[in-house]
Amino acid sequence: MEKENLETLFESLKNEFDVESPNLGHQERFISKLNSNGSNKTLAKAKGFKLWKPLIAVAATIVLCFSLITVFQQEPEVKDLASVSPELSKTQDFFTSTIALELTKLNNERSPETEALINDALKQLDILEKDYNKLKIDLSESGNDKRVIYAMISNFQNRIEILQNVMQNIEEVKQYNQETI
C-alpha cells in the first residue's frame, strides 16, 4: 500500500523536479565556502564551550554536595517506648491514658482557689514532657538501653505522682473552704 502511494506521488511530481546540472566548479566552490565559514563558527563555538566547561563542572559539584548534605543531615528516627517492644507499648498506653484521665480531673477542679496549684502542676508537667522528649532521642541513639527505658517509665510515674499530689492538695483546699464556711 505504501509502495503504491510513493509511486503515485512520483508520477504526479514527474515534471516538477529540477534536473538541471550546476555550473562547472560548483562542488569545489561549495566545499571551500563550507570549510571557510564553518571552521570559524565551529572554532568560536569550541572556545565558548571551553570557557563554560569548568564553570558547569563547578556548579554540578556544588549541587551534588548540597544534595548529599541535605540527605545525610536528616534527623534520625526518634523512638519511644512503643517502638521497643509490645509490652512497653502497652505500658506507654497505660501511662498516657492515666495521665490524660488525671489531667481531665484536674481541669474539672479548676477554680479561683485552685488556679495557682493547677498552673504550677502544668508547668512541672511541661518540664517533664521536655525531659521525656530528650529521653526519646537518647533511646534512639543508645539502641534501646535499659537505663533510658527505666528513666522514661520513671518520667511517666513522676507525672502521675504530680497530678495525684495536686488532686490531693485541691481536696484539702476544698475541705478547708467548707470548714471555714
C-alpha atoms as a PDB file:
ATOM      1  CA  MET A   1       0.000   0.000   0.000  1.00  0.00           C
ATOM      2  CA  GLU A   2       2.835   2.422   0.837  1.00  0.00           C
ATOM      3  CA  LYS A   3       4.662   1.435  -2.317  1.00  0.00           C
ATOM      4  CA  GLU A   4       1.634   2.381  -4.385  1.00  0.00           C
ATOM      5  CA  ASN A   5       1.397   5.754  -2.620  1.00  0.00           C
ATOM      6  CA  LEU A   6       5.033   6.522  -3.329  1.00  0.00           C
ATOM      7  CA  GLU A   7       4.704   5.543  -6.977  1.00  0.00           C
ATOM      8  CA  THR A   8       1.651   7.720  -7.423  1.00  0.00           C
ATOM      9  CA  LEU A   9       3.434  10.608  -5.694  1.00  0.00           C
ATOM     10  CA  PHE A  10       6.429  10.375  -8.001  1.00  0.00           C
ATOM     11  CA  GLU A  11       4.181  10.070 -11.028  1.00  0.00           C
ATOM     12  CA  SER A  12       2.297  13.209 -10.046  1.00  0.00           C
ATOM     13  CA  LEU A  13       5.525  15.197  -9.484  1.00  0.00           C
ATOM     14  CA  LYS A  14       7.329  13.871 -12.566  1.00  0.00           C
ATOM     15  CA  ASN A  15       7.570  17.152 -14.479  1.00  0.00           C
ATOM     16  CA  GLU A  16       8.283  19.331 -11.441  1.00  0.00           C
ATOM     17  CA  PHE A  17      11.758  18.014 -10.499  1.00  0.00           C
ATOM     18  CA  ASP A  18      14.813  20.260 -11.007  1.00  0.00           C
ATOM     19  CA  VAL A  19      17.055  18.242 -13.291  1.00  0.00           C
ATOM     20  CA  GLU A  20      19.464  20.955 -14.466  1.00  0.00           C
ATOM     21  CA  SER A  21      23.170  20.464 -13.839  1.00  0.00           C
ATOM     22  CA  PRO A  22      25.091  23.064 -11.788  1.00  0.00           C
ATOM     23  CA  ASN A  23      27.859  25.170 -13.349  1.00  0.00           C
ATOM     24  CA  LEU A  24      31.362  23.795 -13.628  1.00  0.00           C
ATOM     25  CA  GLY A  25      33.354  24.022 -10.370  1.00  0.00           C
ATOM     26  CA  HIS A  26      30.214  24.301  -8.291  1.00  0.00           C
ATOM     27  CA  GLN A  27      31.214  21.472  -5.974  1.00  0.00           C
ATOM     28  CA  GLU A  28      34.690  22.931  -5.298  1.00  0.00           C
ATOM     29  CA  ARG A  29      33.257  26.412  -4.586  1.00  0.00           C
ATOM     30  CA  PHE A  30      30.637  24.912  -2.275  1.00  0.00           C
ATOM     31  CA  ILE A  31      33.231  22.899  -0.333  1.00  0.00           C
ATOM     32  CA  SER A  32      35.588  25.883   0.018  1.00  0.00           C
ATOM     33  CA  LYS A  33      32.766  28.109   1.298  1.00  0.00           C
ATOM     34  CA  LEU A  34      31.702  25.382   3.648  1.00  0.00           C
ATOM     35  CA  ASN A  35      35.225  24.984   5.010  1.00  0.00           C
ATOM     36  CA  SER A  36      35.887  28.706   5.402  1.00  0.00           C
ATOM     37  CA  ASN A  37      32.563  29.629   7.092  1.00  0.00           C
ATOM     38  CA  GLY A  38      32.096  26.510   9.148  1.00  0.00           C
ATOM     39  CA  SER A  39      35.571  26.445  10.645  1.00  0.00           C
ATOM     40  CA  ASN A  40      35.302  29.982  12.035  1.00  0.00           C
ATOM     41  CA  LYS A  41      31.941  29.344  13.638  1.00  0.00           C
ATOM     42  CA  THR A  42      32.986  25.968  14.951  1.00  0.00           C
ATOM     43  CA  LEU A  43      36.140  27.473  16.417  1.00  0.00           C
ATOM     44  CA  ALA A  44      34.166  30.245  18.112  1.00  0.00           C
ATOM     45  CA  LYS A  45      31.692  27.728  19.495  1.00  0.00           C
ATOM     46  CA  ALA A  46      34.513  25.496  20.728  1.00  0.00           C
ATOM     47  CA  LYS A  47      36.203  28.428  22.529  1.00  0.00           C
ATOM     48  CA  GLY A  48      32.936  29.458  24.173  1.00  0.00           C
ATOM     49  CA  PHE A  49      32.278  25.918  25.325  1.00  0.00           C
ATOM     50  CA  LYS A  50      35.804  25.615  26.692  1.00  0.00           C
ATOM     51  CA  LEU A  51      35.168  28.679  28.880  1.00  0.00           C
ATOM     52  CA  TRP A  52      31.858  27.348  30.206  1.00  0.00           C
ATOM     53  CA  LYS A  53      33.016  23.774  30.760  1.00  0.00           C
ATOM     54  CA  PRO A  54      34.853  24.405  34.090  1.00  0.00           C
ATOM     55  CA  LEU A  55      32.008  26.591  35.375  1.00  0.00           C
ATOM     56  CA  ILE A  56      29.455  23.888  34.617  1.00  0.00           C
ATOM     57  CA  ALA A  57      31.627  21.330  36.399  1.00  0.00           C
ATOM     58  CA  VAL A  58      31.901  23.551  39.487  1.00  0.00           C
ATOM     59  CA  ALA A  59      28.143  24.177  39.523  1.00  0.00           C
ATOM     60  CA  ALA A  60      27.429  20.455  39.191  1.00  0.00           C
ATOM     61  CA  THR A  61      29.812  19.725  42.076  1.00  0.00           C
ATOM     62  CA  ILE A  62      28.112  22.309  44.297  1.00  0.00           C
ATOM     63  CA  VAL A  63      24.666  20.892  43.515  1.00  0.00           C
ATOM     64  CA  LEU A  64      25.871  17.364  44.227  1.00  0.00           C
ATOM     65  CA  CYS A  65      27.463  18.363  47.553  1.00  0.00           C
ATOM     66  CA  PHE A  66      24.360  20.289  48.630  1.00  0.00           C
ATOM     67  CA  SER A  67      22.061  17.380  47.860  1.00  0.00           C
ATOM     68  CA  LEU A  68      24.319  14.919  49.703  1.00  0.00           C
ATOM     69  CA  ILE A  69      24.441  17.179  52.753  1.00  0.00           C
ATOM     70  CA  THR A  70      20.666  17.512  52.886  1.00  0.00           C
ATOM     71  CA  VAL A  71      20.196  13.747  52.544  1.00  0.00           C
ATOM     72  CA  PHE A  72      22.668  12.859  55.272  1.00  0.00           C
ATOM     73  CA  GLN A  73      21.571  15.573  57.725  1.00  0.00           C
ATOM     74  CA  GLN A  74      18.062  14.261  58.114  1.00  0.00           C
ATOM     75  CA  GLU A  75      17.267  13.727  61.758  1.00  0.00           C
ATOM     76  CA  PRO A  76      17.352  10.154  62.992  1.00  0.00           C
ATOM     77  CA  GLU A  77      14.125   8.392  63.747  1.00  0.00           C
ATOM     78  CA  VAL A  78      13.039   9.188  67.293  1.00  0.00           C
ATOM     79  CA  LYS A  79      11.893   6.139  69.225  1.00  0.00           C
ATOM     80  CA  ASP A  80       9.569   5.902  72.178  1.00  0.00           C
ATOM     81  CA  LEU A  81       8.644   3.041  74.471  1.00  0.00           C
ATOM     82  CA  ALA A  82       6.106   1.660  71.994  1.00  0.00           C
ATOM     83  CA  SER A  83       8.837   1.058  69.410  1.00  0.00           C
ATOM     84  CA  VAL A  84      10.918  -1.115  71.760  1.00  0.00           C
ATOM     85  CA  SER A  85       8.531  -3.989  72.478  1.00  0.00           C
ATOM     86  CA  PRO A  86       4.809  -4.812  72.621  1.00  0.00           C
ATOM     87  CA  GLU A  87       4.893  -4.926  76.432  1.00  0.00           C
ATOM     88  CA  LEU A  88       6.405  -1.452  76.633  1.00  0.00           C
ATOM     89  CA  SER A  89       3.839  -0.275  74.105  1.00  0.00           C
ATOM     90  CA  LYS A  90       1.097  -1.388  76.495  1.00  0.00           C
ATOM     91  CA  THR A  91       2.950   0.302  79.354  1.00  0.00           C
ATOM     92  CA  GLN A  92       3.177   3.563  77.435  1.00  0.00           C
ATOM     93  CA  ASP A  93      -0.519   3.359  76.521  1.00  0.00           C
ATOM     94  CA  PHE A  94      -1.417   2.782  80.186  1.00  0.00           C
ATOM     95  CA  PHE A  95       0.632   5.755  81.376  1.00  0.00           C
ATOM     96  CA  THR A  96      -0.602   8.131  78.680  1.00  0.00           C
ATOM     97  CA  SER A  97      -4.248   7.232  79.264  1.00  0.00           C
ATOM     98  CA  THR A  98      -3.826   7.566  83.049  1.00  0.00           C
ATOM     99  CA  ILE A  99      -2.153  10.958  82.649  1.00  0.00           C
ATOM    100  CA  ALA A 100      -4.903  12.114  80.275  1.00  0.00           C
ATOM    101  CA  LEU A 101      -7.564  10.988  82.774  1.00  0.00           C
ATOM    102  CA  GLU A 102      -5.839  12.782  85.652  1.00  0.00           C
ATOM    103  CA  LEU A 103      -5.470  15.947  83.557  1.00  0.00           C
ATOM    104  CA  THR A 104      -9.190  15.862  82.799  1.00  0.00           C
ATOM    105  CA  LYS A 105      -9.981  15.543  86.509  1.00  0.00           C
ATOM    106  CA  LEU A 106      -7.560  18.361  87.264  1.00  0.00           C
ATOM    107  CA  ASN A 107      -9.135  20.714  84.721  1.00  0.00           C
ATOM    108  CA  ASN A 108     -12.589  19.914  86.088  1.00  0.00           C
ATOM    109  CA  GLU A 109     -11.461  21.119  89.533  1.00  0.00           C
ATOM    110  CA  ARG A 110     -10.270  24.491  88.208  1.00  0.00           C
ATOM    111  CA  SER A 111     -11.473  27.380  90.349  1.00  0.00           C
ATOM    112  CA  PRO A 112     -10.023  30.696  91.579  1.00  0.00           C
ATOM    113  CA  GLU A 113      -8.762  28.976  94.756  1.00  0.00           C
ATOM    114  CA  THR A 114      -7.034  26.152  92.855  1.00  0.00           C
ATOM    115  CA  GLU A 115      -5.797  28.109  89.833  1.00  0.00           C
ATOM    116  CA  ALA A 116      -2.265  28.590  91.185  1.00  0.00           C
ATOM    117  CA  LEU A 117      -1.917  24.906  92.128  1.00  0.00           C
ATOM    118  CA  ILE A 118      -3.086  23.754  88.703  1.00  0.00           C
ATOM    119  CA  ASN A 119      -0.854  26.181  86.797  1.00  0.00           C
ATOM    120  CA  ASP A 120       2.159  25.110  88.854  1.00  0.00           C
ATOM    121  CA  ALA A 121       1.396  21.453  88.157  1.00  0.00           C
ATOM    122  CA  LEU A 122       1.067  22.125  84.428  1.00  0.00           C
ATOM    123  CA  LYS A 123       4.462  23.863  84.425  1.00  0.00           C
ATOM    124  CA  GLN A 124       6.037  20.841  86.137  1.00  0.00           C
ATOM    125  CA  LEU A 125       4.362  18.522  83.618  1.00  0.00           C
ATOM    126  CA  ASP A 126       5.722  20.629  80.769  1.00  0.00           C
ATOM    127  CA  ILE A 127       9.250  20.271  82.167  1.00  0.00           C
ATOM    128  CA  LEU A 128       8.790  16.511  82.457  1.00  0.00           C
ATOM    129  CA  GLU A 129       7.450  16.378  78.877  1.00  0.00           C
ATOM    130  CA  LYS A 130      10.585  18.149  77.612  1.00  0.00           C
ATOM    131  CA  ASP A 131      12.736  15.710  79.592  1.00  0.00           C
ATOM    132  CA  TYR A 132      10.787  12.828  78.056  1.00  0.00           C
ATOM    133  CA  ASN A 133      11.475  14.147  74.539  1.00  0.00           C
ATOM    134  CA  LYS A 134      15.188  14.227  75.352  1.00  0.00           C
ATOM    135  CA  LEU A 135      14.916  10.659  76.629  1.00  0.00           C
ATOM    136  CA  LYS A 136      13.312   9.592  73.344  1.00  0.00           C
ATOM    137  CA  ILE A 137      16.335  10.943  71.477  1.00  0.00           C
ATOM    138  CA  ASP A 138      18.654   9.188  73.940  1.00  0.00           C
ATOM    139  CA  LEU A 139      16.745   5.941  73.380  1.00  0.00           C
ATOM    140  CA  SER A 140      17.212   6.237  69.622  1.00  0.00           C
ATOM    141  CA  GLU A 141      20.919   6.929  69.986  1.00  0.00           C
ATOM    142  CA  SER A 142      21.615   4.326  72.673  1.00  0.00           C
ATOM    143  CA  GLY A 143      19.971   1.419  70.914  1.00  0.00           C
ATOM    144  CA  ASN A 144      17.246   0.632  73.464  1.00  0.00           C
ATOM    145  CA  ASP A 145      19.412   0.994  76.552  1.00  0.00           C
ATOM    146  CA  LYS A 146      17.532  -0.313  79.619  1.00  0.00           C
ATOM    147  CA  ARG A 147      18.618   2.639  81.737  1.00  0.00           C
ATOM    148  CA  VAL A 148      16.925   5.019  79.310  1.00  0.00           C
ATOM    149  CA  ILE A 149      13.795   2.852  79.286  1.00  0.00           C
ATOM    150  CA  TYR A 150      13.675   2.918  83.087  1.00  0.00           C
ATOM    151  CA  ALA A 151      14.148   6.698  83.038  1.00  0.00           C
ATOM    152  CA  MET A 152      11.226   7.027  80.613  1.00  0.00           C
ATOM    153  CA  ILE A 153       8.979   4.908  82.823  1.00  0.00           C
ATOM    154  CA  SER A 154      10.089   6.901  85.847  1.00  0.00           C
ATOM    155  CA  ASN A 155       9.210  10.097  83.971  1.00  0.00           C
ATOM    156  CA  PHE A 156       5.672   8.807  83.419  1.00  0.00           C
ATOM    157  CA  GLN A 157       5.408   7.834  87.094  1.00  0.00           C
ATOM    158  CA  ASN A 158       6.593  11.289  88.172  1.00  0.00           C
ATOM    159  CA  ARG A 159       3.913  12.920  86.047  1.00  0.00           C
ATOM    160  CA  ILE A 160       1.189  10.766  87.558  1.00  0.00           C
ATOM    161  CA  GLU A 161       2.526  11.432  91.047  1.00  0.00           C
ATOM    162  CA  ILE A 162       2.467  15.203  90.453  1.00  0.00           C
ATOM    163  CA  LEU A 163      -1.114  15.026  89.219  1.00  0.00           C
ATOM    164  CA  GLN A 164      -2.206  12.902  92.180  1.00  0.00           C
ATOM    165  CA  ASN A 165      -0.493  15.245  94.646  1.00  0.00           C
ATOM    166  CA  VAL A 166      -2.187  18.255  93.095  1.00  0.00           C
ATOM    167  CA  MET A 167      -5.557  16.495  93.243  1.00  0.00           C
ATOM    168  CA  GLN A 168      -4.914  15.721  96.913  1.00  0.00           C
ATOM    169  CA  ASN A 169      -3.991  19.368  97.579  1.00  0.00           C
ATOM    170  CA  ILE A 170      -7.153  20.507  95.804  1.00  0.00           C
ATOM    171  CA  GLU A 171      -9.238  18.215  98.011  1.00  0.00           C
ATOM    172  CA  GLU A 172      -7.556  19.696 101.105  1.00  0.00           C
ATOM    173  CA  VAL A 173      -8.308  23.218  99.861  1.00  0.00           C
ATOM    174  CA  LYS A 174     -11.947  22.228  99.320  1.00  0.00           C
ATOM    175  CA  GLN A 175     -12.193  20.769 102.842  1.00  0.00           C
ATOM    176  CA  TYR A 176     -10.597  23.850 104.332  1.00  0.00           C
ATOM    177  CA  ASN A 177     -13.046  26.089 102.485  1.00  0.00           C
ATOM    178  CA  GLN A 178     -16.007  24.003 103.699  1.00  0.00           C
ATOM    179  CA  GLU A 179     -14.771  24.079 107.300  1.00  0.00           C
ATOM    180  CA  THR A 180     -14.349  27.846 107.282  1.00  0.00           C
ATOM    181  CA  ILE A 181     -17.833  28.440 105.940  1.00  0.00           C
END
